Amino acid sequence: MKATATLAYSSKFINRNYRIKVSGVDGQGNKVHKLVGVRGIIELIGIEMLNKLLKRAVNCLEDVCVCKLRRGLKVSFYNK
């Protein structure tokens, strides 16, 4: 049985501190350019990848942390 992954940070913390914008091409080949919440980003990239990107965004000292994925997505974390 596969173990379920959990978020490293609570969704309350993420929504309070960041605006998340996704642009590029999703898994079905549709173009995406929109603001998403925690649930939307989990549907696009999964919990494990979200934890990696959140760790990177929390350690970033700039106003925006841009993460580009090989699959064609660009995820931007804007500090509030």
PDB file of N, CA and C in Angstrom:
ATOM      1  N   MET A   1       0.836  -1.177   0.000  1.00  0.00           N
ATOM      2  CA  MET A   1       0.000   0.000   0.000  1.00  0.00           C
ATOM      3  C   MET A   1       0.884   1.244   0.000  1.00  0.00           C
ATOM      4  N   LYS A   2       0.589   2.198  -0.849  1.00  0.00           N
ATOM      5  CA  LYS A   2       1.406   3.396  -0.985  1.00  0.00           C
ATOM      6  C   LYS A   2       1.093   4.387   0.129  1.00  0.00           C
ATOM      7  N   ALA A   3       2.136   4.930   0.740  1.00  0.00           N
ATOM      8  CA  ALA A   3       1.947   5.912   1.794  1.00  0.00           C
ATOM      9  C   ALA A   3       1.551   7.251   1.185  1.00  0.00           C
ATOM     10  N   THR A   4       0.640   7.937   1.836  1.00  0.00           N
ATOM     11  CA  THR A   4       0.212   9.232   1.330  1.00  0.00           C
ATOM     12  C   THR A   4       1.133  10.320   1.860  1.00  0.00           C
ATOM     13  N   ALA A   5       1.463  11.230   1.008  1.00  0.00           N
ATOM     14  CA  ALA A   5       2.335  12.339   1.385  1.00  0.00           C
ATOM     15  C   ALA A   5       1.491  13.468   1.971  1.00  0.00           C
ATOM     16  N   THR A   6       2.076  14.217   2.865  1.00  0.00           N
ATOM     17  CA  THR A   6       1.390  15.350   3.454  1.00  0.00           C
ATOM     18  C   THR A   6       2.176  16.622   3.144  1.00  0.00           C
ATOM     19  N   LEU A   7       1.505  17.731   3.217  1.00  0.00           N
ATOM     20  CA  LEU A   7       2.150  19.009   2.963  1.00  0.00           C
ATOM     21  C   LEU A   7       3.089  19.361   4.103  1.00  0.00           C
ATOM     22  N   ALA A   8       4.225  19.954   3.762  1.00  0.00           N
ATOM     23  CA  ALA A   8       5.186  20.389   4.772  1.00  0.00           C
ATOM     24  C   ALA A   8       4.673  21.626   5.507  1.00  0.00           C
ATOM     25  N   TYR A   9       3.878  22.441   4.840  1.00  0.00           N
ATOM     26  CA  TYR A   9       3.280  23.634   5.424  1.00  0.00           C
ATOM     27  C   TYR A   9       1.767  23.519   5.300  1.00  0.00           C
ATOM     28  N   SER A  10       1.033  24.152   6.199  1.00  0.00           N
ATOM     29  CA  SER A  10      -0.426  24.089   6.136  1.00  0.00           C
ATOM     30  C   SER A  10      -0.931  24.959   4.985  1.00  0.00           C
ATOM     31  N   SER A  11      -2.092  24.625   4.494  1.00  0.00           N
ATOM     32  CA  SER A  11      -2.666  25.409   3.405  1.00  0.00           C
ATOM     33  C   SER A  11      -2.991  26.823   3.880  1.00  0.00           C
ATOM     34  N   LYS A  12      -3.288  26.978   5.150  1.00  0.00           N
ATOM     35  CA  LYS A  12      -3.533  28.303   5.720  1.00  0.00           C
ATOM     36  C   LYS A  12      -2.277  29.165   5.622  1.00  0.00           C
ATOM     37  N   PHE A  13      -1.110  28.593   5.930  1.00  0.00           N
ATOM     38  CA  PHE A  13       0.163  29.308   5.832  1.00  0.00           C
ATOM     39  C   PHE A  13       0.462  29.685   4.386  1.00  0.00           C
ATOM     40  N   ILE A  14       0.239  28.754   3.477  1.00  0.00           N
ATOM     41  CA  ILE A  14       0.546  28.991   2.063  1.00  0.00           C
ATOM     42  C   ILE A  14      -0.343  30.104   1.499  1.00  0.00           C
ATOM     43  N   ASN A  15      -1.649  30.021   1.756  1.00  0.00           N
ATOM     44  CA  ASN A  15      -2.571  31.022   1.227  1.00  0.00           C
ATOM     45  C   ASN A  15      -2.364  32.382   1.873  1.00  0.00           C
ATOM     46  N   ARG A  16      -1.936  32.417   3.118  1.00  0.00           N
ATOM     47  CA  ARG A  16      -1.713  33.677   3.810  1.00  0.00           C
ATOM     48  C   ARG A  16      -0.465  34.394   3.297  1.00  0.00           C
ATOM     49  N   ASN A  17       0.560  33.648   2.901  1.00  0.00           N
ATOM     50  CA  ASN A  17       1.843  34.244   2.562  1.00  0.00           C
ATOM     51  C   ASN A  17       2.145  34.329   1.071  1.00  0.00           C
ATOM     52  N   TYR A  18       1.443  33.596   0.224  1.00  0.00           N
ATOM     53  CA  TYR A  18       1.799  33.532  -1.192  1.00  0.00           C
ATOM     54  C   TYR A  18       0.582  33.611  -2.098  1.00  0.00           C
ATOM     55  N   ARG A  19       0.810  34.214  -3.265  1.00  0.00           N
ATOM     56  CA  ARG A  19      -0.091  34.074  -4.411  1.00  0.00           C
ATOM     57  C   ARG A  19       0.650  33.147  -5.369  1.00  0.00           C
ATOM     58  N   ILE A  20      -0.044  32.160  -5.876  1.00  0.00           N
ATOM     59  CA  ILE A  20       0.586  31.165  -6.737  1.00  0.00           C
ATOM     60  C   ILE A  20       0.035  31.320  -8.151  1.00  0.00           C
ATOM     61  N   LYS A  21       0.921  31.582  -9.101  1.00  0.00           N
ATOM     62  CA  LYS A  21       0.526  31.715 -10.497  1.00  0.00           C
ATOM     63  C   LYS A  21       1.196  30.610 -11.298  1.00  0.00           C
ATOM     64  N   VAL A  22       0.416  29.965 -12.149  1.00  0.00           N
ATOM     65  CA  VAL A  22       0.916  28.875 -12.991  1.00  0.00           C
ATOM     66  C   VAL A  22       0.715  29.272 -14.442  1.00  0.00           C
ATOM     67  N   SER A  23       1.752  29.063 -15.244  1.00  0.00           N
ATOM     68  CA  SER A  23       1.622  29.297 -16.679  1.00  0.00           C
ATOM     69  C   SER A  23       2.404  28.221 -17.423  1.00  0.00           C
ATOM     70  N   GLY A  24       1.937  27.934 -18.612  1.00  0.00           N
ATOM     71  CA  GLY A  24       2.577  26.900 -19.419  1.00  0.00           C
ATOM     72  C   GLY A  24       1.546  25.946 -19.974  1.00  0.00           C
ATOM     73  N   VAL A  25       1.925  24.683 -20.055  1.00  0.00           N
ATOM     74  CA  VAL A  25       1.065  23.640 -20.609  1.00  0.00           C
ATOM     75  C   VAL A  25       0.862  22.565 -19.550  1.00  0.00           C
ATOM     76  N   ASP A  26      -0.396  22.205 -19.281  1.00  0.00           N
ATOM     77  CA  ASP A  26      -0.666  21.171 -18.279  1.00  0.00           C
ATOM     78  C   ASP A  26      -0.531  19.772 -18.869  1.00  0.00           C
ATOM     79  N   GLY A  27      -0.872  18.751 -18.107  1.00  0.00           N
ATOM     80  CA  GLY A  27      -0.714  17.364 -18.525  1.00  0.00           C
ATOM     81  C   GLY A  27      -1.573  16.957 -19.708  1.00  0.00           C
ATOM     82  N   GLN A  28      -2.711  17.620 -19.909  1.00  0.00           N
ATOM     83  CA  GLN A  28      -3.596  17.285 -21.022  1.00  0.00           C
ATOM     84  C   GLN A  28      -3.280  18.066 -22.283  1.00  0.00           C
ATOM     85  N   GLY A  29      -2.270  18.940 -22.236  1.00  0.00           N
ATOM     86  CA  GLY A  29      -1.898  19.716 -23.406  1.00  0.00           C
ATOM     87  C   GLY A  29      -2.600  21.054 -23.514  1.00  0.00           C
ATOM     88  N   ASN A  30      -3.349  21.444 -22.491  1.00  0.00           N
ATOM     89  CA  ASN A  30      -4.042  22.726 -22.488  1.00  0.00           C
ATOM     90  C   ASN A  30      -3.119  23.824 -21.961  1.00  0.00           C
ATOM     91  N   LYS A  31      -3.230  25.017 -22.542  1.00  0.00           N
ATOM     92  CA  LYS A  31      -2.455  26.145 -22.053  1.00  0.00           C
ATOM     93  C   LYS A  31      -3.058  26.638 -20.740  1.00  0.00           C
ATOM     94  N   VAL A  32      -2.184  26.963 -19.797  1.00  0.00           N
ATOM     95  CA  VAL A  32      -2.612  27.411 -18.481  1.00  0.00           C
ATOM     96  C   VAL A  32      -1.906  28.715 -18.176  1.00  0.00           C
ATOM     97  N   HIS A  33      -2.655  29.707 -17.703  1.00  0.00           N
ATOM     98  CA  HIS A  33      -2.078  30.964 -17.233  1.00  0.00           C
ATOM     99  C   HIS A  33      -3.067  31.557 -16.240  1.00  0.00           C
ATOM    100  N   LYS A  34      -2.946  31.166 -14.957  1.00  0.00           N
ATOM    101  CA  LYS A  34      -3.933  31.605 -13.974  1.00  0.00           C
ATOM    102  C   LYS A  34      -3.365  31.524 -12.562  1.00  0.00           C
ATOM    103  N   LEU A  35      -4.045  32.204 -11.657  1.00  0.00           N
ATOM    104  CA  LEU A  35      -3.753  32.084 -10.238  1.00  0.00           C
ATOM    105  C   LEU A  35      -4.460  30.841  -9.712  1.00  0.00           C
ATOM    106  N   VAL A  36      -3.779  30.096  -8.874  1.00  0.00           N
ATOM    107  CA  VAL A  36      -4.360  28.885  -8.303  1.00  0.00           C
ATOM    108  C   VAL A  36      -4.171  28.909  -6.792  1.00  0.00           C
ATOM    109  N   GLY A  37      -4.971  28.103  -6.128  1.00  0.00           N
ATOM    110  CA  GLY A  37      -4.824  27.916  -4.698  1.00  0.00           C
ATOM    111  C   GLY A  37      -4.050  26.642  -4.431  1.00  0.00           C
ATOM    112  N   VAL A  38      -4.103  26.213  -3.195  1.00  0.00           N
ATOM    113  CA  VAL A  38      -3.361  25.016  -2.807  1.00  0.00           C
ATOM    114  C   VAL A  38      -3.909  23.786  -3.521  1.00  0.00           C
ATOM    115  N   ARG A  39      -5.192  23.662  -3.579  1.00  0.00           N
ATOM    116  CA  ARG A  39      -5.788  22.499  -4.237  1.00  0.00           C
ATOM    117  C   ARG A  39      -5.463  22.465  -5.731  1.00  0.00           C
ATOM    118  N   GLY A  40      -5.504  23.623  -6.375  1.00  0.00           N
ATOM    119  CA  GLY A  40      -5.203  23.697  -7.801  1.00  0.00           C
ATOM    120  C   GLY A  40      -3.776  23.321  -8.125  1.00  0.00           C
ATOM    121  N   ILE A  41      -2.836  23.770  -7.304  1.00  0.00           N
ATOM    122  CA  ILE A  41      -1.429  23.443  -7.552  1.00  0.00           C
ATOM    123  C   ILE A  41      -1.158  21.975  -7.260  1.00  0.00           C
ATOM    124  N   ILE A  42      -1.845  21.401  -6.281  1.00  0.00           N
ATOM    125  CA  ILE A  42      -1.682  19.969  -5.994  1.00  0.00           C
ATOM    126  C   ILE A  42      -2.186  19.138  -7.173  1.00  0.00           C
ATOM    127  N   GLU A  43      -3.285  19.549  -7.792  1.00  0.00           N
ATOM    128  CA  GLU A  43      -3.805  18.823  -8.950  1.00  0.00           C
ATOM    129  C   GLU A  43      -2.846  18.894 -10.140  1.00  0.00           C
ATOM    130  N   LEU A  44      -2.129  20.006 -10.265  1.00  0.00           N
ATOM    131  CA  LEU A  44      -1.224  20.169 -11.409  1.00  0.00           C
ATOM    132  C   LEU A  44       0.114  19.471 -11.215  1.00  0.00           C
ATOM    133  N   ILE A  45       0.734  19.597 -10.021  1.00  0.00           N
ATOM    134  CA  ILE A  45       2.092  19.081  -9.870  1.00  0.00           C
ATOM    135  C   ILE A  45       2.239  18.008  -8.797  1.00  0.00           C
ATOM    136  N   GLY A  46       1.289  17.847  -7.901  1.00  0.00           N
ATOM    137  CA  GLY A  46       1.384  16.826  -6.865  1.00  0.00           C
ATOM    138  C   GLY A  46       1.987  17.366  -5.570  1.00  0.00           C
ATOM    139  N   ILE A  47       1.799  16.623  -4.504  1.00  0.00           N
ATOM    140  CA  ILE A  47       2.213  17.074  -3.178  1.00  0.00           C
ATOM    141  C   ILE A  47       3.725  17.058  -3.018  1.00  0.00           C
ATOM    142  N   GLU A  48       4.398  16.031  -3.530  1.00  0.00           N
ATOM    143  CA  GLU A  48       5.845  15.931  -3.348  1.00  0.00           C
ATOM    144  C   GLU A  48       6.567  17.098  -4.024  1.00  0.00           C
ATOM    145  N   MET A  49       6.183  17.405  -5.252  1.00  0.00           N
ATOM    146  CA  MET A  49       6.806  18.514  -5.967  1.00  0.00           C
ATOM    147  C   MET A  49       6.441  19.845  -5.319  1.00  0.00           C
ATOM    148  N   LEU A  50       5.220  19.968  -4.829  1.00  0.00           N
ATOM    149  CA  LEU A  50       4.813  21.195  -4.152  1.00  0.00           C
ATOM    150  C   LEU A  50       5.646  21.436  -2.901  1.00  0.00           C
ATOM    151  N   ASN A  51       5.944  20.377  -2.156  1.00  0.00           N
ATOM    152  CA  ASN A  51       6.789  20.529  -0.971  1.00  0.00           C
ATOM    153  C   ASN A  51       8.182  21.038  -1.339  1.00  0.00           C
ATOM    154  N   LYS A  52       8.752  20.530  -2.433  1.00  0.00           N
ATOM    155  CA  LYS A  52      10.069  21.000  -2.877  1.00  0.00           C
ATOM    156  C   LYS A  52      10.029  22.476  -3.266  1.00  0.00           C
ATOM    157  N   LEU A  53       8.988  22.861  -4.003  1.00  0.00           N
ATOM    158  CA  LEU A  53       8.888  24.241  -4.451  1.00  0.00           C
ATOM    159  C   LEU A  53       8.601  25.193  -3.300  1.00  0.00           C
ATOM    160  N   LEU A  54       7.809  24.749  -2.324  1.00  0.00           N
ATOM    161  CA  LEU A  54       7.528  25.590  -1.167  1.00  0.00           C
ATOM    162  C   LEU A  54       8.772  25.826  -0.326  1.00  0.00           C
ATOM    163  N   LYS A  55       9.584  24.800  -0.183  1.00  0.00           N
ATOM    164  CA  LYS A  55      10.838  24.959   0.556  1.00  0.00           C
ATOM    165  C   LYS A  55      11.711  25.995  -0.119  1.00  0.00           C
ATOM    166  N   ARG A  56      11.748  25.951  -1.437  1.00  0.00           N
ATOM    167  CA  ARG A  56      12.528  26.913  -2.204  1.00  0.00           C
ATOM    168  C   ARG A  56      11.946  28.322  -2.078  1.00  0.00           C
ATOM    169  N   ALA A  57      10.614  28.444  -2.086  1.00  0.00           N
ATOM    170  CA  ALA A  57       9.971  29.754  -1.991  1.00  0.00           C
ATOM    171  C   ALA A  57      10.144  30.371  -0.605  1.00  0.00           C
ATOM    172  N   VAL A  58      10.103  29.563   0.436  1.00  0.00           N
ATOM    173  CA  VAL A  58      10.265  30.077   1.793  1.00  0.00           C
ATOM    174  C   VAL A  58      11.687  30.595   1.999  1.00  0.00           C
ATOM    175  N   ASN A  59      12.673  29.927   1.409  1.00  0.00           N
ATOM    176  CA  ASN A  59      14.068  30.346   1.562  1.00  0.00           C
ATOM    177  C   ASN A  59      14.440  31.513   0.652  1.00  0.00           C
ATOM    178  N   CYS A  60      13.611  31.815  -0.324  1.00  0.00           N
ATOM    179  CA  CYS A  60      13.891  32.901  -1.258  1.00  0.00           C
ATOM    180  C   CYS A  60      13.660  34.242  -0.567  1.00  0.00           C
ATOM    181  N   LEU A  61      14.582  35.186  -0.755  1.00  0.00           N
ATOM    182  CA  LEU A  61      14.498  36.490  -0.106  1.00  0.00           C
ATOM    183  C   LEU A  61      13.894  37.564  -1.009  1.00  0.00           C
ATOM    184  N   GLU A  62      13.557  37.231  -2.233  1.00  0.00           N
ATOM    185  CA  GLU A  62      13.017  38.195  -3.181  1.00  0.00           C
ATOM    186  C   GLU A  62      11.494  38.238  -3.101  1.00  0.00           C
ATOM    187  N   ASP A  63      10.892  39.153  -3.860  1.00  0.00           N
ATOM    188  CA  ASP A  63       9.441  39.300  -3.867  1.00  0.00           C
ATOM    189  C   ASP A  63       8.734  38.161  -4.587  1.00  0.00           C
ATOM    190  N   VAL A  64       9.426  37.560  -5.546  1.00  0.00           N
ATOM    191  CA  VAL A  64       8.832  36.477  -6.323  1.00  0.00           C
ATOM    192  C   VAL A  64       9.865  35.367  -6.484  1.00  0.00           C
ATOM    193  N   CYS A  65       9.383  34.144  -6.389  1.00  0.00           N
ATOM    194  CA  CYS A  65      10.230  32.972  -6.613  1.00  0.00           C
ATOM    195  C   CYS A  65       9.633  32.225  -7.810  1.00  0.00           C
ATOM    196  N   VAL A  66      10.380  32.166  -8.899  1.00  0.00           N
ATOM    197  CA  VAL A  66       9.911  31.525 -10.127  1.00  0.00           C
ATOM    198  C   VAL A  66      10.584  30.163 -10.249  1.00  0.00           C
ATOM    199  N   CYS A  67       9.778  29.123 -10.399  1.00  0.00           N
ATOM    200  CA  CYS A  67      10.273  27.753 -10.536  1.00  0.00           C
ATOM    201  C   CYS A  67       9.787  27.204 -11.878  1.00  0.00           C
ATOM    202  N   LYS A  68      10.717  26.787 -12.715  1.00  0.00           N
ATOM    203  CA  LYS A  68      10.380  26.242 -14.029  1.00  0.00           C
ATOM    204  C   LYS A  68      10.567  24.734 -13.997  1.00  0.00           C
ATOM    205  N   LEU A  69       9.546  24.022 -14.429  1.00  0.00           N
ATOM    206  CA  LEU A  69       9.573  22.565 -14.451  1.00  0.00           C
ATOM    207  C   LEU A  69       9.851  22.076 -15.868  1.00  0.00           C
ATOM    208  N   ARG A  70      10.446  20.908 -15.973  1.00  0.00           N
ATOM    209  CA  ARG A  70      10.778  20.346 -17.283  1.00  0.00           C
ATOM    210  C   ARG A  70       9.561  20.033 -18.119  1.00  0.00           C
ATOM    211  N   ARG A  71       8.456  19.779 -17.481  1.00  0.00           N
ATOM    212  CA  ARG A  71       7.250  19.416 -18.232  1.00  0.00           C
ATOM    213  C   ARG A  71       6.568  20.608 -18.889  1.00  0.00           C
ATOM    214  N   GLY A  72       7.141  21.808 -18.724  1.00  0.00           N
ATOM    215  CA  GLY A  72       6.619  22.978 -19.416  1.00  0.00           C
ATOM    216  C   GLY A  72       5.829  23.929 -18.547  1.00  0.00           C
ATOM    217  N   LEU A  73       5.780  23.700 -17.255  1.00  0.00           N
ATOM    218  CA  LEU A  73       5.067  24.598 -16.362  1.00  0.00           C
ATOM    219  C   LEU A  73       6.025  25.574 -15.698  1.00  0.00           C
ATOM    220  N   LYS A  74       5.555  26.784 -15.489  1.00  0.00           N
ATOM    221  CA  LYS A  74       6.295  27.770 -14.721  1.00  0.00           C
ATOM    222  C   LYS A  74       5.420  28.165 -13.544  1.00  0.00           C
ATOM    223  N   VAL A  75       5.898  27.932 -12.324  1.00  0.00           N
ATOM    224  CA  VAL A  75       5.155  28.228 -11.108  1.00  0.00           C
ATOM    225  C   VAL A  75       5.826  29.408 -10.439  1.00  0.00           C
ATOM    226  N   SER A  76       5.042  30.456 -10.163  1.00  0.00           N
ATOM    227  CA  SER A  76       5.554  31.654  -9.522  1.00  0.00           C
ATOM    228  C   SER A  76       4.896  31.823  -8.166  1.00  0.00           C
ATOM    229  N   PHE A  77       5.706  32.004  -7.128  1.00  0.00           N
ATOM    230  CA  PHE A  77       5.219  32.263  -5.777  1.00  0.00           C
ATOM    231  C   PHE A  77       5.471  33.724  -5.473  1.00  0.00           C
ATOM    232  N   TYR A  78       4.404  34.513  -5.370  1.00  0.00           N
ATOM    233  CA  TYR A  78       4.515  35.928  -5.058  1.00  0.00           C
ATOM    234  C   TYR A  78       4.288  36.126  -3.565  1.00  0.00           C
ATOM    235  N   ASN A  79       5.242  36.775  -2.881  1.00  0.00           N
ATOM    236  CA  ASN A  79       5.079  37.087  -1.468  1.00  0.00           C
ATOM    237  C   ASN A  79       4.024  38.168  -1.310  1.00  0.00           C
ATOM    238  N   LYS A  80       3.184  38.015  -0.307  1.00  0.00           N
ATOM    239  CA  LYS A  80       2.167  39.035  -0.029  1.00  0.00           C
ATOM    240  C   LYS A  80       2.745  40.125   0.825  1.00  0.00           C
TER     241      LYS A  80
END
